[in-house]
């Protein structure tokens, strides 16, 4: 993570299914492994995949993040910080950090489950 802070992600059922499928295909330490290095795929692997697979579209990794953020905010039913924490964003200042001690995991789980339903529909 950029902030060098552990980020826990509540996974949707579909995400867990993908991980289960990948685990059945191989026994590497990482779910998505760079076969050349034996380590996890690089930060740029998704962008390389997108550019090769969809060369006619102007798509970026940040665009996926932006789409999620816009969708979540437009729903009007999720706490702002729960949305921000879903994207590993930090609180803006020390005072906020002193009073907000939750990572809002349960709310983030609801957001991820709803996001799954949205993108699968």
PDB file of N, CA and C in Angstrom:
ATOM      1  N   UNK A   1       0.838  -1.181   0.000  1.00  0.00           N
ATOM      2  CA  UNK A   1       0.000   0.000   0.000  1.00  0.00           C
ATOM      3  C   UNK A   1       0.885   1.248   0.000  1.00  0.00           C
ATOM      4  N   UNK A   2       0.408   2.278  -0.641  1.00  0.00           N
ATOM      5  CA  UNK A   2       1.160   3.530  -0.700  1.00  0.00           C
ATOM      6  C   UNK A   2       1.432   4.091   0.688  1.00  0.00           C
ATOM      7  N   UNK A   3       0.441   3.983   1.579  1.00  0.00           N
ATOM      8  CA  UNK A   3       0.581   4.547   2.921  1.00  0.00           C
ATOM      9  C   UNK A   3       1.394   3.638   3.842  1.00  0.00           C
ATOM     10  N   UNK A   4       1.837   2.504   3.320  1.00  0.00           N
ATOM     11  CA  UNK A   4       2.606   1.536   4.113  1.00  0.00           C
ATOM     12  C   UNK A   4       1.816   1.079   5.344  1.00  0.00           C
ATOM     13  N   UNK A   5       0.505   1.011   5.184  1.00  0.00           N
ATOM     14  CA  UNK A   5      -0.366   0.590   6.254  1.00  0.00           C
ATOM     15  C   UNK A   5      -1.205  -0.581   5.748  1.00  0.00           C
ATOM     16  N   UNK A   6      -1.359  -1.593   6.572  1.00  0.00           N
ATOM     17  CA  UNK A   6      -2.140  -2.763   6.168  1.00  0.00           C
ATOM     18  C   UNK A   6      -3.570  -2.343   5.845  1.00  0.00           C
ATOM     19  N   UNK A   7      -4.110  -2.912   4.783  1.00  0.00           N
ATOM     20  CA  UNK A   7      -5.481  -2.606   4.355  1.00  0.00           C
ATOM     21  C   UNK A   7      -6.251  -3.909   4.248  1.00  0.00           C
ATOM     22  N   UNK A   8      -7.239  -4.086   5.096  1.00  0.00           N
ATOM     23  CA  UNK A   8      -8.086  -5.269   5.077  1.00  0.00           C
ATOM     24  C   UNK A   8      -9.261  -5.005   4.149  1.00  0.00           C
ATOM     25  N   UNK A   9      -9.535  -5.967   3.274  1.00  0.00           N
ATOM     26  CA  UNK A   9     -10.604  -5.809   2.300  1.00  0.00           C
ATOM     27  C   UNK A   9     -11.678  -6.868   2.534  1.00  0.00           C
ATOM     28  N   UNK A  10     -12.908  -6.451   2.866  1.00  0.00           N
ATOM     29  CA  UNK A  10     -13.998  -7.427   2.964  1.00  0.00           C
ATOM     30  C   UNK A  10     -14.403  -7.843   1.549  1.00  0.00           C
ATOM     31  N   UNK A  11     -14.277  -9.107   1.258  1.00  0.00           N
ATOM     32  CA  UNK A  11     -14.515  -9.587  -0.104  1.00  0.00           C
ATOM     33  C   UNK A  11     -15.957 -10.033  -0.307  1.00  0.00           C
ATOM     34  N   UNK A  12     -16.464  -9.783  -1.502  1.00  0.00           N
ATOM     35  CA  UNK A  12     -17.801 -10.235  -1.877  1.00  0.00           C
ATOM     36  C   UNK A  12     -17.741 -11.732  -2.193  1.00  0.00           C
ATOM     37  N   UNK A  13     -18.894 -12.340  -2.330  1.00  0.00           N
ATOM     38  CA  UNK A  13     -18.951 -13.771  -2.650  1.00  0.00           C
ATOM     39  C   UNK A  13     -18.285 -14.084  -3.986  1.00  0.00           C
ATOM     40  N   UNK A  14     -18.488 -13.225  -4.978  1.00  0.00           N
ATOM     41  CA  UNK A  14     -17.876 -13.447  -6.298  1.00  0.00           C
ATOM     42  C   UNK A  14     -16.358 -13.372  -6.211  1.00  0.00           C
ATOM     43  N   UNK A  15     -15.840 -12.425  -5.443  1.00  0.00           N
ATOM     44  CA  UNK A  15     -14.389 -12.311  -5.259  1.00  0.00           C
ATOM     45  C   UNK A  15     -13.846 -13.569  -4.590  1.00  0.00           C
ATOM     46  N   UNK A  16     -14.554 -14.062  -3.600  1.00  0.00           N
ATOM     47  CA  UNK A  16     -14.122 -15.301  -2.931  1.00  0.00           C
ATOM     48  C   UNK A  16     -14.166 -16.490  -3.886  1.00  0.00           C
ATOM     49  N   UNK A  17     -15.145 -16.511  -4.771  1.00  0.00           N
ATOM     50  CA  UNK A  17     -15.235 -17.588  -5.774  1.00  0.00           C
ATOM     51  C   UNK A  17     -14.039 -17.551  -6.726  1.00  0.00           C
ATOM     52  N   UNK A  18     -13.641 -16.352  -7.121  1.00  0.00           N
ATOM     53  CA  UNK A  18     -12.480 -16.204  -8.008  1.00  0.00           C
ATOM     54  C   UNK A  18     -11.223 -16.699  -7.306  1.00  0.00           C
ATOM     55  N   UNK A  19     -11.059 -16.347  -6.041  1.00  0.00           N
ATOM     56  CA  UNK A  19      -9.887 -16.793  -5.288  1.00  0.00           C
ATOM     57  C   UNK A  19      -9.892 -18.316  -5.161  1.00  0.00           C
ATOM     58  N   UNK A  20     -11.047 -18.904  -4.887  1.00  0.00           N
ATOM     59  CA  UNK A  20     -11.154 -20.359  -4.788  1.00  0.00           C
ATOM     60  C   UNK A  20     -10.777 -21.012  -6.113  1.00  0.00           C
ATOM     61  N   UNK A  21     -11.276 -20.467  -7.207  1.00  0.00           N
ATOM     62  CA  UNK A  21     -10.949 -20.997  -8.537  1.00  0.00           C
ATOM     63  C   UNK A  21      -9.455 -20.922  -8.808  1.00  0.00           C
ATOM     64  N   UNK A  22      -8.842 -19.783  -8.494  1.00  0.00           N
ATOM     65  CA  UNK A  22      -7.415 -19.624  -8.726  1.00  0.00           C
ATOM     66  C   UNK A  22      -6.603 -20.586  -7.852  1.00  0.00           C
ATOM     67  N   UNK A  23      -7.037 -20.809  -6.648  1.00  0.00           N
ATOM     68  CA  UNK A  23      -6.342 -21.753  -5.751  1.00  0.00           C
ATOM     69  C   UNK A  23      -6.427 -23.178  -6.285  1.00  0.00           C
ATOM     70  N   UNK A  24      -7.506 -23.494  -6.980  1.00  0.00           N
ATOM     71  CA  UNK A  24      -7.653 -24.825  -7.577  1.00  0.00           C
ATOM     72  C   UNK A  24      -6.737 -24.987  -8.787  1.00  0.00           C
ATOM     73  N   UNK A  25      -6.397 -23.890  -9.438  1.00  0.00           N
ATOM     74  CA  UNK A  25      -5.552 -23.936 -10.626  1.00  0.00           C
ATOM     75  C   UNK A  25      -4.068 -24.037 -10.306  1.00  0.00           C
ATOM     76  N   UNK A  26      -3.669 -23.556  -9.121  1.00  0.00           N
ATOM     77  CA  UNK A  26      -2.249 -23.596  -8.764  1.00  0.00           C
ATOM     78  C   UNK A  26      -2.081 -23.571  -7.249  1.00  0.00           C
ATOM     79  N   UNK A  27      -0.866 -23.806  -6.814  1.00  0.00           N
ATOM     80  CA  UNK A  27      -0.590 -23.759  -5.366  1.00  0.00           C
ATOM     81  C   UNK A  27       0.486 -22.725  -5.042  1.00  0.00           C
ATOM     82  N   UNK A  28       0.514 -21.646  -5.795  1.00  0.00           N
ATOM     83  CA  UNK A  28       1.465 -20.567  -5.540  1.00  0.00           C
ATOM     84  C   UNK A  28       1.094 -19.829  -4.257  1.00  0.00           C
ATOM     85  N   UNK A  29       2.057 -19.137  -3.698  1.00  0.00           N
ATOM     86  CA  UNK A  29       1.820 -18.359  -2.486  1.00  0.00           C
ATOM     87  C   UNK A  29       0.799 -17.245  -2.727  1.00  0.00           C
ATOM     88  N   UNK A  30       0.848 -16.629  -3.907  1.00  0.00           N
ATOM     89  CA  UNK A  30      -0.029 -15.515  -4.228  1.00  0.00           C
ATOM     90  C   UNK A  30      -1.148 -15.979  -5.151  1.00  0.00           C
ATOM     91  N   UNK A  31      -2.318 -15.390  -5.005  1.00  0.00           N
ATOM     92  CA  UNK A  31      -3.456 -15.755  -5.844  1.00  0.00           C
ATOM     93  C   UNK A  31      -3.143 -15.448  -7.305  1.00  0.00           C
ATOM     94  N   UNK A  32      -2.626 -14.255  -7.559  1.00  0.00           N
ATOM     95  CA  UNK A  32      -2.254 -13.851  -8.910  1.00  0.00           C
ATOM     96  C   UNK A  32      -0.732 -13.737  -8.948  1.00  0.00           C
ATOM     97  N   UNK A  33      -0.108 -14.742  -9.512  1.00  0.00           N
ATOM     98  CA  UNK A  33       1.339 -14.882  -9.467  1.00  0.00           C
ATOM     99  C   UNK A  33       1.976 -14.538 -10.813  1.00  0.00           C
ATOM    100  N   UNK A  34       3.094 -13.841 -10.756  1.00  0.00           N
ATOM    101  CA  UNK A  34       3.916 -13.613 -11.930  1.00  0.00           C
ATOM    102  C   UNK A  34       4.748 -14.880 -12.100  1.00  0.00           C
ATOM    103  N   UNK A  35       4.451 -15.659 -13.108  1.00  0.00           N
ATOM    104  CA  UNK A  35       5.127 -16.940 -13.284  1.00  0.00           C
ATOM    105  C   UNK A  35       6.621 -16.786 -13.534  1.00  0.00           C
ATOM    106  N   UNK A  36       7.023 -15.631 -14.056  1.00  0.00           N
ATOM    107  CA  UNK A  36       8.438 -15.381 -14.307  1.00  0.00           C
ATOM    108  C   UNK A  36       9.249 -15.184 -13.038  1.00  0.00           C
ATOM    109  N   UNK A  37       8.623 -14.556 -12.035  1.00  0.00           N
ATOM    110  CA  UNK A  37       9.350 -14.260 -10.797  1.00  0.00           C
ATOM    111  C   UNK A  37       8.918 -15.123  -9.619  1.00  0.00           C
ATOM    112  N   UNK A  38       7.720 -15.726  -9.727  1.00  0.00           N
ATOM    113  CA  UNK A  38       7.200 -16.511  -8.620  1.00  0.00           C
ATOM    114  C   UNK A  38       6.611 -15.640  -7.515  1.00  0.00           C
ATOM    115  N   UNK A  39       6.585 -14.340  -7.737  1.00  0.00           N
ATOM    116  CA  UNK A  39       6.021 -13.407  -6.750  1.00  0.00           C
ATOM    117  C   UNK A  39       4.654 -12.929  -7.248  1.00  0.00           C
ATOM    118  N   UNK A  40       4.059 -12.029  -6.509  1.00  0.00           N
ATOM    119  CA  UNK A  40       2.762 -11.492  -6.926  1.00  0.00           C
ATOM    120  C   UNK A  40       2.922 -10.664  -8.202  1.00  0.00           C
ATOM    121  N   UNK A  41       1.817 -10.463  -8.902  1.00  0.00           N
ATOM    122  CA  UNK A  41       1.869  -9.641 -10.100  1.00  0.00           C
ATOM    123  C   UNK A  41       2.221  -8.211  -9.709  1.00  0.00           C
ATOM    124  N   UNK A  42       2.758  -7.470 -10.637  1.00  0.00           N
ATOM    125  CA  UNK A  42       3.206  -6.105 -10.351  1.00  0.00           C
ATOM    126  C   UNK A  42       2.039  -5.138 -10.296  1.00  0.00           C
ATOM    127  N   UNK A  43       2.317  -3.940  -9.799  1.00  0.00           N
ATOM    128  CA  UNK A  43       1.303  -2.887  -9.756  1.00  0.00           C
ATOM    129  C   UNK A  43       0.803  -2.541 -11.157  1.00  0.00           C
ATOM    130  N   UNK A  44       1.654  -2.694 -12.142  1.00  0.00           N
ATOM    131  CA  UNK A  44       1.286  -2.332 -13.508  1.00  0.00           C
ATOM    132  C   UNK A  44       0.650  -3.455 -14.309  1.00  0.00           C
ATOM    133  N   UNK A  45       0.519  -4.642 -13.738  1.00  0.00           N
ATOM    134  CA  UNK A  45       0.006  -5.792 -14.480  1.00  0.00           C
ATOM    135  C   UNK A  45      -1.417  -5.574 -14.986  1.00  0.00           C
ATOM    136  N   UNK A  46      -2.254  -4.960 -14.180  1.00  0.00           N
ATOM    137  CA  UNK A  46      -3.639  -4.720 -14.594  1.00  0.00           C
ATOM    138  C   UNK A  46      -3.685  -3.762 -15.778  1.00  0.00           C
ATOM    139  N   UNK A  47      -2.885  -2.713 -15.728  1.00  0.00           N
ATOM    140  CA  UNK A  47      -2.864  -1.756 -16.829  1.00  0.00           C
ATOM    141  C   UNK A  47      -2.362  -2.422 -18.115  1.00  0.00           C
ATOM    142  N   UNK A  48      -1.334  -3.237 -18.012  1.00  0.00           N
ATOM    143  CA  UNK A  48      -0.813  -3.961 -19.178  1.00  0.00           C
ATOM    144  C   UNK A  48      -1.904  -4.866 -19.754  1.00  0.00           C
ATOM    145  N   UNK A  49      -2.612  -5.578 -18.888  1.00  0.00           N
ATOM    146  CA  UNK A  49      -3.705  -6.448 -19.327  1.00  0.00           C
ATOM    147  C   UNK A  49      -4.764  -5.637 -20.071  1.00  0.00           C
ATOM    148  N   UNK A  50      -5.174  -4.526 -19.495  1.00  0.00           N
ATOM    149  CA  UNK A  50      -6.216  -3.686 -20.110  1.00  0.00           C
ATOM    150  C   UNK A  50      -5.777  -3.182 -21.481  1.00  0.00           C
ATOM    151  N   UNK A  51      -4.557  -2.696 -21.570  1.00  0.00           N
ATOM    152  CA  UNK A  51      -4.056  -2.129 -22.833  1.00  0.00           C
ATOM    153  C   UNK A  51      -3.964  -3.206 -23.922  1.00  0.00           C
ATOM    154  N   UNK A  52      -3.556  -4.418 -23.543  1.00  0.00           N
ATOM    155  CA  UNK A  52      -3.445  -5.498 -24.527  1.00  0.00           C
ATOM    156  C   UNK A  52      -4.816  -6.032 -24.929  1.00  0.00           C
ATOM    157  N   UNK A  53      -5.691  -6.193 -23.958  1.00  0.00           N
ATOM    158  CA  UNK A  53      -6.990  -6.820 -24.199  1.00  0.00           C
ATOM    159  C   UNK A  53      -8.015  -5.866 -24.813  1.00  0.00           C
ATOM    160  N   UNK A  54      -7.916  -4.590 -24.465  1.00  0.00           N
ATOM    161  CA  UNK A  54      -8.892  -3.598 -24.922  1.00  0.00           C
ATOM    162  C   UNK A  54      -8.181  -2.370 -25.494  1.00  0.00           C
ATOM    163  N   UNK A  55      -7.413  -2.544 -26.572  1.00  0.00           N
ATOM    164  CA  UNK A  55      -6.601  -1.438 -27.087  1.00  0.00           C
ATOM    165  C   UNK A  55      -7.404  -0.254 -27.634  1.00  0.00           C
ATOM    166  N   UNK A  56      -8.645  -0.467 -27.997  1.00  0.00           N
ATOM    167  CA  UNK A  56      -9.439   0.608 -28.583  1.00  0.00           C
ATOM    168  C   UNK A  56     -10.137   1.481 -27.542  1.00  0.00           C
ATOM    169  N   UNK A  57     -10.073   1.084 -26.286  1.00  0.00           N
ATOM    170  CA  UNK A  57     -10.727   1.847 -25.228  1.00  0.00           C
ATOM    171  C   UNK A  57      -9.702   2.643 -24.430  1.00  0.00           C
ATOM    172  N   UNK A  58     -10.112   3.792 -23.963  1.00  0.00           N
ATOM    173  CA  UNK A  58      -9.251   4.594 -23.091  1.00  0.00           C
ATOM    174  C   UNK A  58      -9.626   4.262 -21.649  1.00  0.00           C
ATOM    175  N   UNK A  59      -9.032   3.197 -21.145  1.00  0.00           N
ATOM    176  CA  UNK A  59      -9.339   2.705 -19.799  1.00  0.00           C
ATOM    177  C   UNK A  59      -8.075   2.772 -18.961  1.00  0.00           C
ATOM    178  N   UNK A  60      -8.248   3.162 -17.700  1.00  0.00           N
ATOM    179  CA  UNK A  60      -7.127   3.160 -16.764  1.00  0.00           C
ATOM    180  C   UNK A  60      -7.553   2.493 -15.466  1.00  0.00           C
ATOM    181  N   UNK A  61      -6.581   2.081 -14.670  1.00  0.00           N
ATOM    182  CA  UNK A  61      -6.885   1.519 -13.358  1.00  0.00           C
ATOM    183  C   UNK A  61      -7.606   2.556 -12.504  1.00  0.00           C
ATOM    184  N   UNK A  62      -7.155   3.785 -12.580  1.00  0.00           N
ATOM    185  CA  UNK A  62      -7.785   4.847 -11.802  1.00  0.00           C
ATOM    186  C   UNK A  62      -9.247   5.018 -12.202  1.00  0.00           C
ATOM    187  N   UNK A  63      -9.554   4.774 -13.446  1.00  0.00           N
ATOM    188  CA  UNK A  63     -10.940   4.863 -13.906  1.00  0.00           C
ATOM    189  C   UNK A  63     -11.846   3.877 -13.184  1.00  0.00           C
ATOM    190  N   UNK A  64     -11.333   2.680 -12.887  1.00  0.00           N
ATOM    191  CA  UNK A  64     -12.115   1.702 -12.126  1.00  0.00           C
ATOM    192  C   UNK A  64     -12.379   2.235 -10.720  1.00  0.00           C
ATOM    193  N   UNK A  65     -11.346   2.801 -10.100  1.00  0.00           N
ATOM    194  CA  UNK A  65     -11.494   3.369  -8.755  1.00  0.00           C
ATOM    195  C   UNK A  65     -12.491   4.526  -8.769  1.00  0.00           C
ATOM    196  N   UNK A  66     -12.382   5.364  -9.778  1.00  0.00           N
ATOM    197  CA  UNK A  66     -13.268   6.512  -9.902  1.00  0.00           C
ATOM    198  C   UNK A  66     -14.722   6.072 -10.101  1.00  0.00           C
ATOM    199  N   UNK A  67     -14.913   5.053 -10.933  1.00  0.00           N
ATOM    200  CA  UNK A  67     -16.261   4.531 -11.180  1.00  0.00           C
ATOM    201  C   UNK A  67     -16.875   4.002  -9.896  1.00  0.00           C
ATOM    202  N   UNK A  68     -16.094   3.244  -9.129  1.00  0.00           N
ATOM    203  CA  UNK A  68     -16.587   2.723  -7.855  1.00  0.00           C
ATOM    204  C   UNK A  68     -16.962   3.865  -6.918  1.00  0.00           C
ATOM    205  N   UNK A  69     -16.078   4.832  -6.786  1.00  0.00           N
ATOM    206  CA  UNK A  69     -16.307   5.938  -5.858  1.00  0.00           C
ATOM    207  C   UNK A  69     -17.556   6.717  -6.236  1.00  0.00           C
ATOM    208  N   UNK A  70     -17.708   7.022  -7.516  1.00  0.00           N
ATOM    209  CA  UNK A  70     -18.876   7.752  -7.993  1.00  0.00           C
ATOM    210  C   UNK A  70     -20.152   6.965  -7.725  1.00  0.00           C
ATOM    211  N   UNK A  71     -20.144   5.682  -8.079  1.00  0.00           N
ATOM    212  CA  UNK A  71     -21.312   4.832  -7.838  1.00  0.00           C
ATOM    213  C   UNK A  71     -21.684   4.816  -6.358  1.00  0.00           C
ATOM    214  N   UNK A  72     -20.703   4.595  -5.499  1.00  0.00           N
ATOM    215  CA  UNK A  72     -20.971   4.485  -4.066  1.00  0.00           C
ATOM    216  C   UNK A  72     -21.534   5.786  -3.499  1.00  0.00           C
ATOM    217  N   UNK A  73     -20.952   6.912  -3.881  1.00  0.00           N
ATOM    218  CA  UNK A  73     -21.439   8.198  -3.386  1.00  0.00           C
ATOM    219  C   UNK A  73     -22.853   8.478  -3.896  1.00  0.00           C
ATOM    220  N   UNK A  74     -23.121   8.125  -5.155  1.00  0.00           N
ATOM    221  CA  UNK A  74     -24.440   8.389  -5.737  1.00  0.00           C
ATOM    222  C   UNK A  74     -25.547   7.536  -5.118  1.00  0.00           C
ATOM    223  N   UNK A  75     -25.183   6.419  -4.504  1.00  0.00           N
ATOM    224  CA  UNK A  75     -26.200   5.575  -3.871  1.00  0.00           C
ATOM    225  C   UNK A  75     -26.863   6.289  -2.701  1.00  0.00           C
ATOM    226  N   UNK A  76     -26.123   7.164  -2.038  1.00  0.00           N
ATOM    227  CA  UNK A  76     -26.666   7.939  -0.929  1.00  0.00           C
ATOM    228  C   UNK A  76     -26.990   7.129   0.309  1.00  0.00           C
ATOM    229  N   UNK A  77     -26.439   5.937   0.402  1.00  0.00           N
ATOM    230  CA  UNK A  77     -26.763   5.110   1.568  1.00  0.00           C
ATOM    231  C   UNK A  77     -25.535   4.617   2.323  1.00  0.00           C
ATOM    232  N   UNK A  78     -24.367   5.046   1.921  1.00  0.00           N
ATOM    233  CA  UNK A  78     -23.142   4.617   2.592  1.00  0.00           C
ATOM    234  C   UNK A  78     -22.459   5.813   3.248  1.00  0.00           C
ATOM    235  N   UNK A  79     -21.872   5.550   4.398  1.00  0.00           N
ATOM    236  CA  UNK A  79     -21.127   6.589   5.083  1.00  0.00           C
ATOM    237  C   UNK A  79     -19.905   6.981   4.239  1.00  0.00           C
ATOM    238  N   UNK A  80     -19.654   8.282   4.147  1.00  0.00           N
ATOM    239  CA  UNK A  80     -18.559   8.800   3.323  1.00  0.00           C
ATOM    240  C   UNK A  80     -17.223   8.131   3.668  1.00  0.00           C
ATOM    241  N   UNK A  81     -16.923   8.022   4.958  1.00  0.00           N
ATOM    242  CA  UNK A  81     -15.650   7.423   5.345  1.00  0.00           C
ATOM    243  C   UNK A  81     -15.602   5.930   5.008  1.00  0.00           C
ATOM    244  N   UNK A  82     -16.726   5.247   5.053  1.00  0.00           N
ATOM    245  CA  UNK A  82     -16.745   3.830   4.681  1.00  0.00           C
ATOM    246  C   UNK A  82     -16.350   3.675   3.211  1.00  0.00           C
ATOM    247  N   UNK A  83     -16.807   4.590   2.389  1.00  0.00           N
ATOM    248  CA  UNK A  83     -16.435   4.570   0.970  1.00  0.00           C
ATOM    249  C   UNK A  83     -14.942   4.846   0.817  1.00  0.00           C
ATOM    250  N   UNK A  84     -14.462   5.873   1.488  1.00  0.00           N
ATOM    251  CA  UNK A  84     -13.037   6.211   1.412  1.00  0.00           C
ATOM    252  C   UNK A  84     -12.165   5.062   1.913  1.00  0.00           C
ATOM    253  N   UNK A  85     -12.565   4.457   3.033  1.00  0.00           N
ATOM    254  CA  UNK A  85     -11.785   3.342   3.593  1.00  0.00           C
ATOM    255  C   UNK A  85     -11.808   2.136   2.663  1.00  0.00           C
ATOM    256  N   UNK A  86     -12.874   1.989   1.870  1.00  0.00           N
ATOM    257  CA  UNK A  86     -12.944   0.888   0.901  1.00  0.00           C
ATOM    258  C   UNK A  86     -11.827   1.000  -0.130  1.00  0.00           C
ATOM    259  N   UNK A  87     -11.345   2.209  -0.331  1.00  0.00           N
ATOM    260  CA  UNK A  87     -10.274   2.440  -1.295  1.00  0.00           C
ATOM    261  C   UNK A  87      -8.942   2.720  -0.609  1.00  0.00           C
ATOM    262  N   UNK A  88      -8.841   2.314   0.650  1.00  0.00           N
ATOM    263  CA  UNK A  88      -7.606   2.455   1.431  1.00  0.00           C
ATOM    264  C   UNK A  88      -7.192   3.909   1.612  1.00  0.00           C
ATOM    265  N   UNK A  89      -8.143   4.818   1.554  1.00  0.00           N
ATOM    266  CA  UNK A  89      -7.819   6.221   1.797  1.00  0.00           C
ATOM    267  C   UNK A  89      -7.805   6.480   3.296  1.00  0.00           C
ATOM    268  N   UNK A  90      -6.995   7.428   3.700  1.00  0.00           N
ATOM    269  CA  UNK A  90      -6.804   7.738   5.109  1.00  0.00           C
ATOM    270  C   UNK A  90      -7.657   8.942   5.521  1.00  0.00           C
ATOM    271  N   UNK A  91      -7.827   9.092   6.812  1.00  0.00           N
ATOM    272  CA  UNK A  91      -8.514  10.268   7.334  1.00  0.00           C
ATOM    273  C   UNK A  91      -7.656  11.502   7.069  1.00  0.00           C
ATOM    274  N   UNK A  92      -8.295  12.665   6.899  1.00  0.00           N
ATOM    275  CA  UNK A  92      -7.560  13.847   6.459  1.00  0.00           C
ATOM    276  C   UNK A  92      -6.602  14.470   7.477  1.00  0.00           C
ATOM    277  N   UNK A  93      -6.855  14.298   8.772  1.00  0.00           N
ATOM    278  CA  UNK A  93      -5.966  14.958   9.736  1.00  0.00           C
ATOM    279  C   UNK A  93      -5.909  14.196  11.060  1.00  0.00           C
ATOM    280  N   UNK A  94      -5.018  14.627  11.934  1.00  0.00           N
ATOM    281  CA  UNK A  94      -4.782  13.945  13.209  1.00  0.00           C
ATOM    282  C   UNK A  94      -5.995  13.987  14.130  1.00  0.00           C
ATOM    283  N   UNK A  95      -6.739  15.064  14.103  1.00  0.00           N
ATOM    284  CA  UNK A  95      -7.919  15.171  14.962  1.00  0.00           C
ATOM    285  C   UNK A  95      -8.945  14.114  14.560  1.00  0.00           C
ATOM    286  N   UNK A  96      -9.197  13.998  13.258  1.00  0.00           N
ATOM    287  CA  UNK A  96     -10.134  12.970  12.766  1.00  0.00           C
ATOM    288  C   UNK A  96      -9.655  11.582  13.195  1.00  0.00           C
ATOM    289  N   UNK A  97      -8.366  11.328  13.039  1.00  0.00           N
ATOM    290  CA  UNK A  97      -7.811  10.019  13.403  1.00  0.00           C
ATOM    291  C   UNK A  97      -7.951   9.741  14.894  1.00  0.00           C
ATOM    292  N   UNK A  98      -7.839  10.774  15.713  1.00  0.00           N
ATOM    293  CA  UNK A  98      -7.938  10.599  17.154  1.00  0.00           C
ATOM    294  C   UNK A  98      -9.340  10.166  17.583  1.00  0.00           C
ATOM    295  N   UNK A  99     -10.351  10.629  16.870  1.00  0.00           N
ATOM    296  CA  UNK A  99     -11.734  10.337  17.257  1.00  0.00           C
ATOM    297  C   UNK A  99     -12.367   9.199  16.468  1.00  0.00           C
ATOM    298  N   UNK A 100     -11.917   8.965  15.259  1.00  0.00           N
ATOM    299  CA  UNK A 100     -12.480   7.900  14.431  1.00  0.00           C
ATOM    300  C   UNK A 100     -11.548   6.704  14.499  1.00  0.00           C
ATOM    301  N   UNK A 101     -11.894   5.719  15.295  1.00  0.00           N
ATOM    302  CA  UNK A 101     -11.001   4.584  15.519  1.00  0.00           C
ATOM    303  C   UNK A 101     -11.452   3.308  14.827  1.00  0.00           C
ATOM    304  N   UNK A 102     -12.583   3.346  14.181  1.00  0.00           N
ATOM    305  CA  UNK A 102     -13.096   2.170  13.478  1.00  0.00           C
ATOM    306  C   UNK A 102     -12.632   2.196  12.032  1.00  0.00           C
ATOM    307  N   UNK A 103     -12.486   1.018  11.441  1.00  0.00           N
ATOM    308  CA  UNK A 103     -12.209   0.957  10.004  1.00  0.00           C
ATOM    309  C   UNK A 103     -13.490   0.652   9.219  1.00  0.00           C
ATOM    310  N   UNK A 104     -14.634   0.622   9.933  1.00  0.00           N
ATOM    311  CA  UNK A 104     -15.961   0.467   9.337  1.00  0.00           C
ATOM    312  C   UNK A 104     -16.079  -0.794   8.476  1.00  0.00           C
ATOM    313  N   UNK A 105     -15.510  -1.868   8.957  1.00  0.00           N
ATOM    314  CA  UNK A 105     -15.470  -3.117   8.193  1.00  0.00           C
ATOM    315  C   UNK A 105     -16.857  -3.617   7.803  1.00  0.00           C
ATOM    316  N   UNK A 106     -17.799  -3.607   8.719  1.00  0.00           N
ATOM    317  CA  UNK A 106     -19.140  -4.118   8.401  1.00  0.00           C
ATOM    318  C   UNK A 106     -19.825  -3.280   7.327  1.00  0.00           C
ATOM    319  N   UNK A 107     -19.688  -1.972   7.417  1.00  0.00           N
ATOM    320  CA  UNK A 107     -20.265  -1.110   6.383  1.00  0.00           C
ATOM    321  C   UNK A 107     -19.575  -1.324   5.047  1.00  0.00           C
ATOM    322  N   UNK A 108     -18.261  -1.510   5.082  1.00  0.00           N
ATOM    323  CA  UNK A 108     -17.511  -1.759   3.848  1.00  0.00           C
ATOM    324  C   UNK A 108     -17.913  -3.093   3.229  1.00  0.00           C
ATOM    325  N   UNK A 109     -18.225  -4.084   4.042  1.00  0.00           N
ATOM    326  CA  UNK A 109     -18.693  -5.386   3.533  1.00  0.00           C
ATOM    327  C   UNK A 109     -20.010  -5.192   2.775  1.00  0.00           C
ATOM    328  N   UNK A 110     -20.907  -4.396   3.337  1.00  0.00           N
ATOM    329  CA  UNK A 110     -22.177  -4.109   2.660  1.00  0.00           C
ATOM    330  C   UNK A 110     -21.931  -3.412   1.327  1.00  0.00           C
ATOM    331  N   UNK A 111     -21.030  -2.442   1.316  1.00  0.00           N
ATOM    332  CA  UNK A 111     -20.711  -1.732   0.075  1.00  0.00           C
ATOM    333  C   UNK A 111     -20.178  -2.712  -0.969  1.00  0.00           C
ATOM    334  N   UNK A 112     -19.259  -3.580  -0.581  1.00  0.00           N
ATOM    335  CA  UNK A 112     -18.669  -4.528  -1.533  1.00  0.00           C
ATOM    336  C   UNK A 112     -19.718  -5.508  -2.057  1.00  0.00           C
ATOM    337  N   UNK A 113     -20.620  -5.960  -1.191  1.00  0.00           N
ATOM    338  CA  UNK A 113     -21.689  -6.870  -1.639  1.00  0.00           C
ATOM    339  C   UNK A 113     -22.625  -6.161  -2.623  1.00  0.00           C
ATOM    340  N   UNK A 114     -22.974  -4.911  -2.327  1.00  0.00           N
ATOM    341  CA  UNK A 114     -23.831  -4.148  -3.234  1.00  0.00           C
ATOM    342  C   UNK A 114     -23.118  -3.848  -4.549  1.00  0.00           C
ATOM    343  N   UNK A 115     -21.824  -3.542  -4.490  1.00  0.00           N
ATOM    344  CA  UNK A 115     -21.027  -3.283  -5.698  1.00  0.00           C
ATOM    345  C   UNK A 115     -20.998  -4.543  -6.566  1.00  0.00           C
ATOM    346  N   UNK A 116     -20.829  -5.692  -5.937  1.00  0.00           N
ATOM    347  CA  UNK A 116     -20.850  -6.956  -6.677  1.00  0.00           C
ATOM    348  C   UNK A 116     -22.164  -7.100  -7.435  1.00  0.00           C
ATOM    349  N   UNK A 117     -23.272  -6.857  -6.767  1.00  0.00           N
ATOM    350  CA  UNK A 117     -24.577  -6.980  -7.425  1.00  0.00           C
ATOM    351  C   UNK A 117     -24.705  -5.994  -8.587  1.00  0.00           C
ATOM    352  N   UNK A 118     -24.185  -4.806  -8.393  1.00  0.00           N
ATOM    353  CA  UNK A 118     -24.256  -3.789  -9.444  1.00  0.00           C
ATOM    354  C   UNK A 118     -23.447  -4.206 -10.674  1.00  0.00           C
ATOM    355  N   UNK A 119     -22.209  -4.630 -10.481  1.00  0.00           N
ATOM    356  CA  UNK A 119     -21.376  -4.935 -11.652  1.00  0.00           C
ATOM    357  C   UNK A 119     -21.771  -6.254 -12.315  1.00  0.00           C
ATOM    358  N   UNK A 120     -22.416  -7.141 -11.584  1.00  0.00           N
ATOM    359  CA  UNK A 120     -22.860  -8.403 -12.188  1.00  0.00           C
ATOM    360  C   UNK A 120     -24.208  -8.267 -12.888  1.00  0.00           C
ATOM    361  N   UNK A 121     -24.900  -7.146 -12.637  1.00  0.00           N
ATOM    362  CA  UNK A 121     -26.223  -6.979 -13.250  1.00  0.00           C
ATOM    363  C   UNK A 121     -26.128  -6.476 -14.683  1.00  0.00           C
TER     364      UNK A 121
END
